[in-house]
Full PDB file with SEQRES, HELIX, SHEET, SSBOND, CRYST1, ORIGX, SCALE, CONECT and MASTER records, all heavy atoms in Angstrom:
SEQRES   1 A   43  GLU CYS GLY LEU VAL ILE GLY ASN THR CYS GLY LEU ARG          
SEQRES   2 A   43  ASN GLY GLU GLY ASP GLN VAL PRO LEU GLN VAL ALA VAL          
SEQRES   3 A   43  THR LEU PRO PHE GLY LEU ASN ASP GLN TYR ASP GLN VAL          
SEQRES   4 A   43  VAL SER LYS ARG                                              
SHEET    1 AA1 2 THR A   9  ARG A  13  0                                        
SHEET    2 AA1 2 GLN A  19  LEU A  22 -1                                        
SSBOND   1 CYS A    2    CYS A   10                          1555   1555  1.83  
CRYST1    1.000    1.000    1.000  90.00  90.00  90.00 P 1           1          
ORIGX1      1.000000  0.000000  0.000000        0.00000                         
ORIGX2      0.000000  1.000000  0.000000        0.00000                         
ORIGX3      0.000000  0.000000  1.000000        0.00000                         
SCALE1      1.000000  0.000000  0.000000        0.00000                         
SCALE2      0.000000  1.000000  0.000000        0.00000                         
SCALE3      0.000000  0.000000  1.000000        0.00000                         
ATOM      1  N   GLU A   1     188.247 138.513  61.722  1.00  0.00           N  
ATOM      2  CA  GLU A   1     187.638 139.744  61.239  1.00  0.00           C  
ATOM      3  C   GLU A   1     188.713 140.578  60.581  1.00  0.00           C  
ATOM      4  O   GLU A   1     189.857 140.604  61.138  1.00  0.00           O  
ATOM      5  CB  GLU A   1     186.923 140.501  62.363  1.00  0.00           C  
ATOM      6  CG  GLU A   1     185.747 139.788  62.975  1.00  0.00           C  
ATOM      7  CD  GLU A   1     185.100 140.521  64.119  1.00  0.00           C  
ATOM      8  OE1 GLU A   1     185.609 141.634  64.441  1.00  0.00           O  
ATOM      9  OE2 GLU A   1     184.129 140.006  64.716  1.00  0.00           O  
ATOM     10  N   CYS A   2     188.451 141.223  59.482  1.00  0.00           N  
ATOM     11  CA  CYS A   2     189.557 141.814  58.687  1.00  0.00           C  
ATOM     12  C   CYS A   2     189.272 143.290  58.373  1.00  0.00           C  
ATOM     13  O   CYS A   2     188.132 143.682  58.073  1.00  0.00           O  
ATOM     14  CB  CYS A   2     189.708 141.058  57.353  1.00  0.00           C  
ATOM     15  SG  CYS A   2     189.978 139.300  57.534  1.00  0.00           S  
ATOM     16  N   GLY A   3     190.361 144.058  58.420  1.00  0.00           N  
ATOM     17  CA  GLY A   3     190.270 145.410  57.887  1.00  0.00           C  
ATOM     18  C   GLY A   3     190.156 145.426  56.384  1.00  0.00           C  
ATOM     19  O   GLY A   3     189.483 146.283  55.790  1.00  0.00           O  
ATOM     20  N   LEU A   4     190.810 144.469  55.710  1.00  0.00           N  
ATOM     21  CA  LEU A   4     190.721 144.276  54.274  1.00  0.00           C  
ATOM     22  C   LEU A   4     190.412 142.804  54.006  1.00  0.00           C  
ATOM     23  O   LEU A   4     191.128 141.926  54.451  1.00  0.00           O  
ATOM     24  CB  LEU A   4     192.045 144.648  53.589  1.00  0.00           C  
ATOM     25  CG  LEU A   4     192.184 144.306  52.098  1.00  0.00           C  
ATOM     26  CD1 LEU A   4     191.171 145.076  51.264  1.00  0.00           C  
ATOM     27  CD2 LEU A   4     193.615 144.574  51.620  1.00  0.00           C  
ATOM     28  N   VAL A   5     189.312 142.556  53.337  1.00  0.00           N  
ATOM     29  CA  VAL A   5     188.879 141.178  53.062  1.00  0.00           C  
ATOM     30  C   VAL A   5     189.283 140.797  51.661  1.00  0.00           C  
ATOM     31  O   VAL A   5     189.072 141.487  50.673  1.00  0.00           O  
ATOM     32  CB  VAL A   5     187.330 141.051  53.183  1.00  0.00           C  
ATOM     33  CG1 VAL A   5     186.886 139.657  52.752  1.00  0.00           C  
ATOM     34  CG2 VAL A   5     186.881 141.349  54.591  1.00  0.00           C  
ATOM     35  N   ILE A   6     189.999 139.643  51.557  1.00  0.00           N  
ATOM     36  CA  ILE A   6     190.352 139.045  50.284  1.00  0.00           C  
ATOM     37  C   ILE A   6     189.924 137.585  50.342  1.00  0.00           C  
ATOM     38  O   ILE A   6     190.518 136.744  51.040  1.00  0.00           O  
ATOM     39  CB  ILE A   6     191.860 139.117  49.970  1.00  0.00           C  
ATOM     40  CG1 ILE A   6     192.322 140.592  49.911  1.00  0.00           C  
ATOM     41  CG2 ILE A   6     192.185 138.436  48.660  1.00  0.00           C  
ATOM     42  CD1 ILE A   6     193.792 140.768  49.609  1.00  0.00           C  
ATOM     43  N   GLY A   7     188.840 137.265  49.650  1.00  0.00           N  
ATOM     44  CA  GLY A   7     188.287 135.906  49.685  1.00  0.00           C  
ATOM     45  C   GLY A   7     187.801 135.564  51.080  1.00  0.00           C  
ATOM     46  O   GLY A   7     186.971 136.309  51.651  1.00  0.00           O  
ATOM     47  N   ASN A   8     188.313 134.500  51.644  1.00  0.00           N  
ATOM     48  CA  ASN A   8     187.884 134.037  52.955  1.00  0.00           C  
ATOM     49  C   ASN A   8     188.955 134.319  54.033  1.00  0.00           C  
ATOM     50  O   ASN A   8     188.958 133.719  55.088  1.00  0.00           O  
ATOM     51  CB  ASN A   8     187.599 132.541  52.947  1.00  0.00           C  
ATOM     52  CG  ASN A   8     186.632 132.092  54.034  1.00  0.00           C  
ATOM     53  OD1 ASN A   8     186.024 132.915  54.723  1.00  0.00           O  
ATOM     54  ND2 ASN A   8     186.507 130.789  54.229  1.00  0.00           N  
ATOM     55  N   THR A   9     189.844 135.286  53.724  1.00  0.00           N  
ATOM     56  CA  THR A   9     190.867 135.630  54.663  1.00  0.00           C  
ATOM     57  C   THR A   9     191.084 137.132  54.627  1.00  0.00           C  
ATOM     58  O   THR A   9     190.384 137.881  53.943  1.00  0.00           O  
ATOM     59  CB  THR A   9     192.192 134.862  54.406  1.00  0.00           C  
ATOM     60  OG1 THR A   9     193.130 135.114  55.441  1.00  0.00           O  
ATOM     61  CG2 THR A   9     192.805 135.287  53.055  1.00  0.00           C  
ATOM     62  N   CYS A  10     192.106 137.600  55.338  1.00  0.00           N  
ATOM     63  CA  CYS A  10     192.413 139.034  55.401  1.00  0.00           C  
ATOM     64  C   CYS A  10     193.498 139.385  54.338  1.00  0.00           C  
ATOM     65  O   CYS A  10     194.140 138.487  53.789  1.00  0.00           O  
ATOM     66  CB  CYS A  10     192.895 139.426  56.777  1.00  0.00           C  
ATOM     67  SG  CYS A  10     191.709 139.129  58.107  1.00  0.00           S  
ATOM     68  N   GLY A  11     193.662 140.674  54.102  1.00  0.00           N  
ATOM     69  CA  GLY A  11     194.658 141.086  53.174  1.00  0.00           C  
ATOM     70  C   GLY A  11     195.529 142.238  53.683  1.00  0.00           C  
ATOM     71  O   GLY A  11     195.179 142.891  54.680  1.00  0.00           O  
ATOM     72  N   LEU A  12     196.655 142.453  52.996  1.00  0.00           N  
ATOM     73  CA  LEU A  12     197.559 143.562  53.264  1.00  0.00           C  
ATOM     74  C   LEU A  12     197.538 144.485  52.043  1.00  0.00           C  
ATOM     75  O   LEU A  12     197.392 144.044  50.921  1.00  0.00           O  
ATOM     76  CB  LEU A  12     198.955 143.030  53.538  1.00  0.00           C  
ATOM     77  CG  LEU A  12     199.134 141.999  54.657  1.00  0.00           C  
ATOM     78  CD1 LEU A  12     200.593 141.557  54.743  1.00  0.00           C  
ATOM     79  CD2 LEU A  12     198.643 142.546  56.007  1.00  0.00           C  
ATOM     80  N   ARG A  13     197.771 145.799  52.290  1.00  0.00           N  
ATOM     81  CA  ARG A  13     197.740 146.785  51.214  1.00  0.00           C  
ATOM     82  C   ARG A  13     198.890 147.742  51.420  1.00  0.00           C  
ATOM     83  O   ARG A  13     199.248 148.116  52.545  1.00  0.00           O  
ATOM     84  CB  ARG A  13     196.416 147.513  51.234  1.00  0.00           C  
ATOM     85  CG  ARG A  13     196.286 148.609  50.199  1.00  0.00           C  
ATOM     86  CD  ARG A  13     195.080 149.513  50.413  1.00  0.00           C  
ATOM     87  NE  ARG A  13     193.826 148.850  50.151  1.00  0.00           N  
ATOM     88  CZ  ARG A  13     192.869 148.627  51.031  1.00  0.00           C  
ATOM     89  NH1 ARG A  13     193.054 149.017  52.286  1.00  0.00           N  
ATOM     90  NH2 ARG A  13     191.736 148.040  50.693  1.00  0.00           N  
ATOM     91  N   ASN A  14     199.490 148.199  50.280  1.00  0.00           N  
ATOM     92  CA  ASN A  14     200.541 149.230  50.354  1.00  0.00           C  
ATOM     93  C   ASN A  14     199.912 150.594  50.016  1.00  0.00           C  
ATOM     94  O   ASN A  14     198.732 150.702  49.732  1.00  0.00           O  
ATOM     95  CB  ASN A  14     201.743 148.915  49.466  1.00  0.00           C  
ATOM     96  CG  ASN A  14     201.376 148.903  47.981  1.00  0.00           C  
ATOM     97  OD1 ASN A  14     200.271 149.302  47.597  1.00  0.00           O  
ATOM     98  ND2 ASN A  14     202.334 148.538  47.147  1.00  0.00           N  
ATOM     99  N   GLY A  15     200.783 151.603  50.057  1.00  0.00           N  
ATOM    100  CA  GLY A  15     200.283 152.952  49.837  1.00  0.00           C  
ATOM    101  C   GLY A  15     199.746 153.221  48.460  1.00  0.00           C  
ATOM    102  O   GLY A  15     198.995 154.154  48.241  1.00  0.00           O  
ATOM    103  N   GLU A  16     200.125 152.376  47.476  1.00  0.00           N  
ATOM    104  CA  GLU A  16     199.644 152.510  46.108  1.00  0.00           C  
ATOM    105  C   GLU A  16     198.383 151.713  45.815  1.00  0.00           C  
ATOM    106  O   GLU A  16     197.912 151.681  44.699  1.00  0.00           O  
ATOM    107  CB  GLU A  16     200.761 152.120  45.132  1.00  0.00           C  
ATOM    108  CG  GLU A  16     202.018 152.942  45.272  1.00  0.00           C  
ATOM    109  CD  GLU A  16     203.130 152.472  44.375  1.00  0.00           C  
ATOM    110  OE1 GLU A  16     202.836 151.647  43.467  1.00  0.00           O  
ATOM    111  OE2 GLU A  16     204.282 152.902  44.571  1.00  0.00           O  
ATOM    112  N   GLY A  17     197.890 151.020  46.836  1.00  0.00           N  
ATOM    113  CA  GLY A  17     196.660 150.230  46.684  1.00  0.00           C  
ATOM    114  C   GLY A  17     196.849 148.837  46.267  1.00  0.00           C  
ATOM    115  O   GLY A  17     195.865 148.118  46.012  1.00  0.00           O  
ATOM    116  N   ASP A  18     198.131 148.347  46.134  1.00  0.00           N  
ATOM    117  CA  ASP A  18     198.348 146.946  45.794  1.00  0.00           C  
ATOM    118  C   ASP A  18     197.955 146.074  47.003  1.00  0.00           C  
ATOM    119  O   ASP A  18     198.250 146.409  48.170  1.00  0.00           O  
ATOM    120  CB  ASP A  18     199.836 146.711  45.460  1.00  0.00           C  
ATOM    121  CG  ASP A  18     200.264 147.556  44.255  1.00  0.00           C  
ATOM    122  OD1 ASP A  18     199.497 147.608  43.287  1.00  0.00           O  
ATOM    123  OD2 ASP A  18     201.376 148.149  44.323  1.00  0.00           O  
ATOM    124  N   GLN A  19     197.386 144.923  46.732  1.00  0.00           N  
ATOM    125  CA  GLN A  19     196.869 144.056  47.792  1.00  0.00           C  
ATOM    126  C   GLN A  19     197.422 142.646  47.653  1.00  0.00           C  
ATOM    127  O   GLN A  19     197.618 142.145  46.535  1.00  0.00           O  
ATOM    128  CB  GLN A  19     195.343 144.006  47.731  1.00  0.00           C  
ATOM    129  CG  GLN A  19     194.655 145.341  47.893  1.00  0.00           C  
ATOM    130  CD  GLN A  19     193.147 145.253  47.759  1.00  0.00           C  
ATOM    131  OE1 GLN A  19     192.592 144.151  47.533  1.00  0.00           O  
ATOM    132  NE2 GLN A  19     192.489 146.397  47.872  1.00  0.00           N  
ATOM    133  N   VAL A  20     197.644 141.989  48.816  1.00  0.00           N  
ATOM    134  CA  VAL A  20     198.046 140.572  48.841  1.00  0.00           C  
ATOM    135  C   VAL A  20     197.269 139.903  49.990  1.00  0.00           C  
ATOM    136  O   VAL A  20     197.029 140.506  51.043  1.00  0.00           O  
ATOM    137  CB  VAL A  20     199.556 140.372  49.051  1.00  0.00           C  
ATOM    138  CG1 VAL A  20     200.340 140.865  47.829  1.00  0.00           C  
ATOM    139  CG2 VAL A  20     200.017 141.052  50.300  1.00  0.00           C  
ATOM    140  N   PRO A  21     196.882 138.646  49.791  1.00  0.00           N  
ATOM    141  CA  PRO A  21     196.190 137.916  50.867  1.00  0.00           C  
ATOM    142  C   PRO A  21     197.199 137.523  51.959  1.00  0.00           C  
ATOM    143  O   PRO A  21     198.355 137.216  51.690  1.00  0.00           O  
ATOM    144  CB  PRO A  21     195.589 136.713  50.171  1.00  0.00           C  
ATOM    145  CG  PRO A  21     196.419 136.523  48.954  1.00  0.00           C  
ATOM    146  CD  PRO A  21     196.913 137.846  48.505  1.00  0.00           C  
ATOM    147  N   LEU A  22     196.704 137.484  53.168  1.00  0.00           N  
ATOM    148  CA  LEU A  22     197.490 137.079  54.328  1.00  0.00           C  
ATOM    149  C   LEU A  22     196.875 135.772  54.872  1.00  0.00           C  
ATOM    150  O   LEU A  22     195.700 135.733  55.196  1.00  0.00           O  
ATOM    151  CB  LEU A  22     197.463 138.145  55.386  1.00  0.00           C  
ATOM    152  CG  LEU A  22     198.177 137.825  56.730  1.00  0.00           C  
ATOM    153  CD1 LEU A  22     199.697 137.691  56.528  1.00  0.00           C  
ATOM    154  CD2 LEU A  22     197.841 138.867  57.801  1.00  0.00           C  
ATOM    155  N   GLN A  23     197.684 134.718  55.002  1.00  0.00           N  
ATOM    156  CA  GLN A  23     197.219 133.455  55.534  1.00  0.00           C  
ATOM    157  C   GLN A  23     197.437 133.459  57.047  1.00  0.00           C  
ATOM    158  O   GLN A  23     198.555 133.750  57.537  1.00  0.00           O  
ATOM    159  CB  GLN A  23     197.920 132.270  54.902  1.00  0.00           C  
ATOM    160  CG  GLN A  23     197.915 132.280  53.376  1.00  0.00           C  
ATOM    161  CD  GLN A  23     196.496 132.361  52.809  1.00  0.00           C  
ATOM    162  OE1 GLN A  23     195.551 131.759  53.332  1.00  0.00           O  
ATOM    163  NE2 GLN A  23     196.372 133.127  51.699  1.00  0.00           N  
ATOM    164  N   VAL A  24     196.406 133.125  57.774  1.00  0.00           N  
ATOM    165  CA  VAL A  24     196.468 133.114  59.246  1.00  0.00           C  
ATOM    166  C   VAL A  24     196.090 131.663  59.716  1.00  0.00           C  
ATOM    167  O   VAL A  24     195.098 131.112  59.254  1.00  0.00           O  
ATOM    168  CB  VAL A  24     195.553 134.126  59.902  1.00  0.00           C  
ATOM    169  CG1 VAL A  24     195.751 134.147  61.405  1.00  0.00           C  
ATOM    170  CG2 VAL A  24     195.793 135.508  59.303  1.00  0.00           C  
ATOM    171  N   ALA A  25     196.852 131.142  60.640  1.00  0.00           N  
ATOM    172  CA  ALA A  25     196.598 129.809  61.174  1.00  0.00           C  
ATOM    173  C   ALA A  25     196.828 129.806  62.668  1.00  0.00           C  
ATOM    174  O   ALA A  25     197.412 130.763  63.208  1.00  0.00           O  
ATOM    175  CB  ALA A  25     197.423 128.758  60.482  1.00  0.00           C  
ATOM    176  N   VAL A  26     196.361 128.770  63.335  1.00  0.00           N  
ATOM    177  CA  VAL A  26     196.531 128.695  64.792  1.00  0.00           C  
ATOM    178  C   VAL A  26     196.961 127.294  65.196  1.00  0.00           C  
ATOM    179  O   VAL A  26     196.537 126.286  64.594  1.00  0.00           O  
ATOM    180  CB  VAL A  26     195.210 129.061  65.491  1.00  0.00           C  
ATOM    181  CG1 VAL A  26     194.083 128.056  65.175  1.00  0.00           C  
ATOM    182  CG2 VAL A  26     195.386 129.162  67.017  1.00  0.00           C  
ATOM    183  N   THR A  27     197.827 127.226  66.205  1.00  0.00           N  
ATOM    184  CA  THR A  27     198.163 125.996  66.867  1.00  0.00           C  
ATOM    185  C   THR A  27     197.764 126.147  68.343  1.00  0.00           C  
ATOM    186  O   THR A  27     198.161 127.086  69.000  1.00  0.00           O  
ATOM    187  CB  THR A  27     199.676 125.686  66.773  1.00  0.00           C  
ATOM    188  OG1 THR A  27     200.006 125.460  65.397  1.00  0.00           O  
ATOM    189  CG2 THR A  27     200.055 124.462  67.610  1.00  0.00           C  
ATOM    190  N   LEU A  28     196.958 125.191  68.824  1.00  0.00           N  
ATOM    191  CA  LEU A  28     196.438 125.282  70.169  1.00  0.00           C  
ATOM    192  C   LEU A  28     197.164 124.210  71.065  1.00  0.00           C  
ATOM    193  O   LEU A  28     197.640 123.182  70.547  1.00  0.00           O  
ATOM    194  CB  LEU A  28     194.928 125.006  70.205  1.00  0.00           C  
ATOM    195  CG  LEU A  28     194.074 126.043  69.523  1.00  0.00           C  
ATOM    196  CD1 LEU A  28     192.631 125.628  69.476  1.00  0.00           C  
ATOM    197  CD2 LEU A  28     194.205 127.408  70.234  1.00  0.00           C  
ATOM    198  N   PRO A  29     197.239 124.464  72.356  1.00  0.00           N  
ATOM    199  CA  PRO A  29     197.969 123.534  73.232  1.00  0.00           C  
ATOM    200  C   PRO A  29     197.245 122.212  73.381  1.00  0.00           C  
ATOM    201  O   PRO A  29     196.049 122.059  73.065  1.00  0.00           O  
ATOM    202  CB  PRO A  29     198.032 124.272  74.558  1.00  0.00           C  
ATOM    203  CG  PRO A  29     196.899 125.253  74.509  1.00  0.00           C  
ATOM    204  CD  PRO A  29     196.755 125.659  73.060  1.00  0.00           C  
ATOM    205  N   PHE A  30     197.979 121.211  73.870  1.00  0.00           N  
ATOM    206  CA  PHE A  30     197.408 119.885  74.156  1.00  0.00           C  
ATOM    207  C   PHE A  30     196.209 120.013  75.067  1.00  0.00           C  
ATOM    208  O   PHE A  30     196.225 120.734  76.061  1.00  0.00           O  
ATOM    209  CB  PHE A  30     198.491 119.036  74.802  1.00  0.00           C  
ATOM    210  CG  PHE A  30     197.967 117.658  75.211  1.00  0.00           C  
ATOM    211  CD1 PHE A  30     197.818 116.672  74.272  1.00  0.00           C  
ATOM    212  CD2 PHE A  30     197.667 117.400  76.531  1.00  0.00           C  
ATOM    213  CE1 PHE A  30     197.340 115.415  74.636  1.00  0.00           C  
ATOM    214  CE2 PHE A  30     197.188 116.150  76.907  1.00  0.00           C  
ATOM    215  CZ  PHE A  30     197.026 115.148  75.948  1.00  0.00           C  
ATOM    216  N   GLY A  31     195.136 119.307  74.689  1.00  0.00           N  
ATOM    217  CA  GLY A  31     193.908 119.327  75.468  1.00  0.00           C  
ATOM    218  C   GLY A  31     192.795 120.103  74.806  1.00  0.00           C  
ATOM    219  O   GLY A  31     191.647 120.000  75.203  1.00  0.00           O  
ATOM    220  N   LEU A  32     193.132 120.893  73.750  1.00  0.00           N  
ATOM    221  CA  LEU A  32     192.100 121.599  73.009  1.00  0.00           C  
ATOM    222  C   LEU A  32     192.031 121.004  71.584  1.00  0.00           C  
ATOM    223  O   LEU A  32     192.911 121.228  70.771  1.00  0.00           O  
ATOM    224  CB  LEU A  32     192.438 123.087  72.920  1.00  0.00           C  
ATOM    225  CG  LEU A  32     192.519 123.847  74.272  1.00  0.00           C  
ATOM    226  CD1 LEU A  32     192.907 125.278  74.053  1.00  0.00           C  
ATOM    227  CD2 LEU A  32     191.172 123.725  75.000  1.00  0.00           C  
ATOM    228  N   ASN A  33     190.988 120.222  71.355  1.00  0.00           N  
ATOM    229  CA  ASN A  33     190.850 119.494  70.104  1.00  0.00           C  
ATOM    230  C   ASN A  33     189.658 120.006  69.318  1.00  0.00           C  
ATOM    231  O   ASN A  33     188.749 120.660  69.858  1.00  0.00           O  
ATOM    232  CB  ASN A  33     190.690 117.982  70.338  1.00  0.00           C  
ATOM    233  CG  ASN A  33     191.938 117.352  70.890  1.00  0.00           C  
ATOM    234  OD1 ASN A  33     192.934 118.032  71.152  1.00  0.00           O  
ATOM    235  ND2 ASN A  33     191.915 116.044  71.062  1.00  0.00           N  
ATOM    236  N   ASP A  34     189.598 119.644  68.013  1.00  0.00           N  
ATOM    237  CA  ASP A  34     188.452 120.055  67.220  1.00  0.00           C  
ATOM    238  C   ASP A  34     187.306 119.093  67.403  1.00  0.00           C  
ATOM    239  O   ASP A  34     187.336 118.193  68.214  1.00  0.00           O  
ATOM    240  CB  ASP A  34     188.858 120.188  65.729  1.00  0.00           C  
ATOM    241  CG  ASP A  34     189.188 118.835  65.060  1.00  0.00           C  
ATOM    242  OD1 ASP A  34     188.961 117.771  65.681  1.00  0.00           O  
ATOM    243  OD2 ASP A  34     189.656 118.868  63.925  1.00  0.00           O  
ATOM    244  N   GLN A  35     186.226 119.332  66.632  1.00  0.00           N  
ATOM    245  CA  GLN A  35     185.007 118.540  66.801  1.00  0.00           C  
ATOM    246  C   GLN A  35     185.198 117.076  66.446  1.00  0.00           C  
ATOM    247  O   GLN A  35     184.366 116.243  66.822  1.00  0.00           O  
ATOM    248  CB  GLN A  35     183.894 119.144  65.948  1.00  0.00           C  
ATOM    249  CG  GLN A  35     184.179 119.177  64.453  1.00  0.00           C  
ATOM    250  CD  GLN A  35     183.124 119.938  63.691  1.00  0.00           C  
ATOM    251  OE1 GLN A  35     181.929 119.780  63.989  1.00  0.00           O  
ATOM    252  NE2 GLN A  35     183.516 120.745  62.725  1.00  0.00           N  
ATOM    253  N   TYR A  36     186.295 116.747  65.719  1.00  0.00           N  
ATOM    254  CA  TYR A  36     186.558 115.344  65.369  1.00  0.00           C  
ATOM    255  C   TYR A  36     187.641 114.780  66.305  1.00  0.00           C  
ATOM    256  O   TYR A  36     188.205 113.740  65.997  1.00  0.00           O  
ATOM    257  CB  TYR A  36     186.983 115.288  63.911  1.00  0.00           C  
ATOM    258  CG  TYR A  36     185.978 115.880  62.964  1.00  0.00           C  
ATOM    259  CD1 TYR A  36     186.275 117.085  62.321  1.00  0.00           C  
ATOM    260  CD2 TYR A  36     184.773 115.277  62.723  1.00  0.00           C  
ATOM    261  CE1 TYR A  36     185.332 117.656  61.460  1.00  0.00           C  
ATOM    262  CE2 TYR A  36     183.825 115.821  61.862  1.00  0.00           C  
ATOM    263  CZ  TYR A  36     184.119 117.018  61.244  1.00  0.00           C  
ATOM    264  OH  TYR A  36     183.192 117.601  60.400  1.00  0.00           O  
ATOM    265  N   ASP A  37     187.902 115.480  67.401  1.00  0.00           N  
ATOM    266  CA  ASP A  37     188.880 115.058  68.402  1.00  0.00           C  
ATOM    267  C   ASP A  37     190.297 115.055  67.841  1.00  0.00           C  
ATOM    268  O   ASP A  37     191.166 114.313  68.320  1.00  0.00           O  
ATOM    269  CB  ASP A  37     188.520 113.689  68.976  1.00  0.00           C  
ATOM    270  CG  ASP A  37     189.135 113.447  70.371  1.00  0.00           C  
ATOM    271  OD1 ASP A  37     189.380 114.466  71.077  1.00  0.00           O  
ATOM    272  OD2 ASP A  37     189.354 112.300  70.746  1.00  0.00           O  
ATOM    273  N   GLN A  38     190.543 115.882  66.868  1.00  0.00           N  
ATOM    274  CA  GLN A  38     191.909 115.964  66.293  1.00  0.00           C  
ATOM    275  C   GLN A  38     192.610 117.212  66.893  1.00  0.00           C  
ATOM    276  O   GLN A  38     191.947 118.202  67.248  1.00  0.00           O  
ATOM    277  CB  GLN A  38     191.830 116.133  64.763  1.00  0.00           C  
ATOM    278  CG  GLN A  38     191.224 114.935  64.052  1.00  0.00           C  
ATOM    279  CD  GLN A  38     191.096 115.156  62.561  1.00  0.00           C  
ATOM    280  OE1 GLN A  38     190.927 116.304  62.135  1.00  0.00           O  
ATOM    281  NE2 GLN A  38     191.176 114.097  61.794  1.00  0.00           N  
ATOM    282  N   VAL A  39     193.939 117.102  67.008  1.00  0.00           N  
ATOM    283  CA  VAL A  39     194.701 118.231  67.528  1.00  0.00           C  
ATOM    284  C   VAL A  39     194.625 119.397  66.529  1.00  0.00           C  
ATOM    285  O   VAL A  39     194.393 119.210  65.332  1.00  0.00           O  
ATOM    286  CB  VAL A  39     196.159 117.827  67.777  1.00  0.00           C  
ATOM    287  CG1 VAL A  39     196.263 116.736  68.798  1.00  0.00           C  
ATOM    288  CG2 VAL A  39     196.816 117.384  66.490  1.00  0.00           C  
ATOM    289  N   VAL A  40     194.770 120.580  67.066  1.00  0.00           N  
ATOM    290  CA  VAL A  40     194.694 121.792  66.222  1.00  0.00           C  
ATOM    291  C   VAL A  40     196.145 122.309  66.073  1.00  0.00           C  
ATOM    292  O   VAL A  40     196.711 122.913  66.959  1.00  0.00           O  
ATOM    293  CB  VAL A  40     193.815 122.873  66.899  1.00  0.00           C  
ATOM    294  CG1 VAL A  40     193.788 124.132  66.055  1.00  0.00           C  
ATOM    295  CG2 VAL A  40     192.390 122.304  67.094  1.00  0.00           C  
ATOM    296  N   SER A  41     196.731 122.022  64.899  1.00  0.00           N  
ATOM    297  CA  SER A  41     198.116 122.385  64.610  1.00  0.00           C  
ATOM    298  C   SER A  41     198.158 123.102  63.254  1.00  0.00           C  
ATOM    299  O   SER A  41     197.780 122.532  62.211  1.00  0.00           O  
ATOM    300  CB  SER A  41     199.009 121.169  64.557  1.00  0.00           C  
ATOM    301  OG  SER A  41     200.330 121.486  64.262  1.00  0.00           O  
ATOM    302  N   LYS A  42     198.562 124.359  63.276  1.00  0.00           N  
ATOM    303  CA  LYS A  42     198.606 125.185  62.081  1.00  0.00           C  
ATOM    304  C   LYS A  42     197.286 125.101  61.312  1.00  0.00           C  
ATOM    305  O   LYS A  42     197.292 124.984  60.068  1.00  0.00           O  
ATOM    306  CB  LYS A  42     199.798 124.838  61.195  1.00  0.00           C  
ATOM    307  CG  LYS A  42     201.127 125.133  61.876  1.00  0.00           C  
ATOM    308  CD  LYS A  42     202.329 124.920  60.958  1.00  0.00           C  
ATOM    309  CE  LYS A  42     203.631 125.327  61.632  1.00  0.00           C  
ATOM    310  NZ  LYS A  42     204.771 125.146  60.755  1.00  0.00           N  
ATOM    311  N   ARG A  43     196.186 125.167  62.012  1.00  0.00           N  
ATOM    312  CA  ARG A  43     194.856 125.095  61.387  1.00  0.00           C  
ATOM    313  C   ARG A  43     194.487 126.458  60.825  1.00  0.00           C  
ATOM    314  O   ARG A  43     194.544 127.469  61.557  1.00  0.00           O  
ATOM    315  CB  ARG A  43     193.826 124.675  62.459  1.00  0.00           C  
ATOM    316  CG  ARG A  43     192.383 124.499  61.948  1.00  0.00           C  
ATOM    317  CD  ARG A  43     192.264 123.258  61.072  1.00  0.00           C  
ATOM    318  NE  ARG A  43     192.706 122.063  61.781  1.00  0.00           N  
ATOM    319  CZ  ARG A  43     191.907 121.324  62.558  1.00  0.00           C  
ATOM    320  NH1 ARG A  43     190.630 121.680  62.742  1.00  0.00           N  
ATOM    321  NH2 ARG A  43     192.381 120.243  63.125  1.00  0.00           N  
TER     322      ARG A  43                                                      
CONECT   15   67                                                                
CONECT   67   15                                                                
MASTER        0    0    0    0    2    0    0    6  321    1    2    4          
END                                                                             
């Protein structure tokens, strides 16, 4: 969930209103896999 939405991710903004997208990813510990039984690394 984003304070500033840019596309399908969040964004950052400076005081002059310039915006850049922020990429967010997650790595989960061993034992937590996705629906295809793949590890979750920088997903």
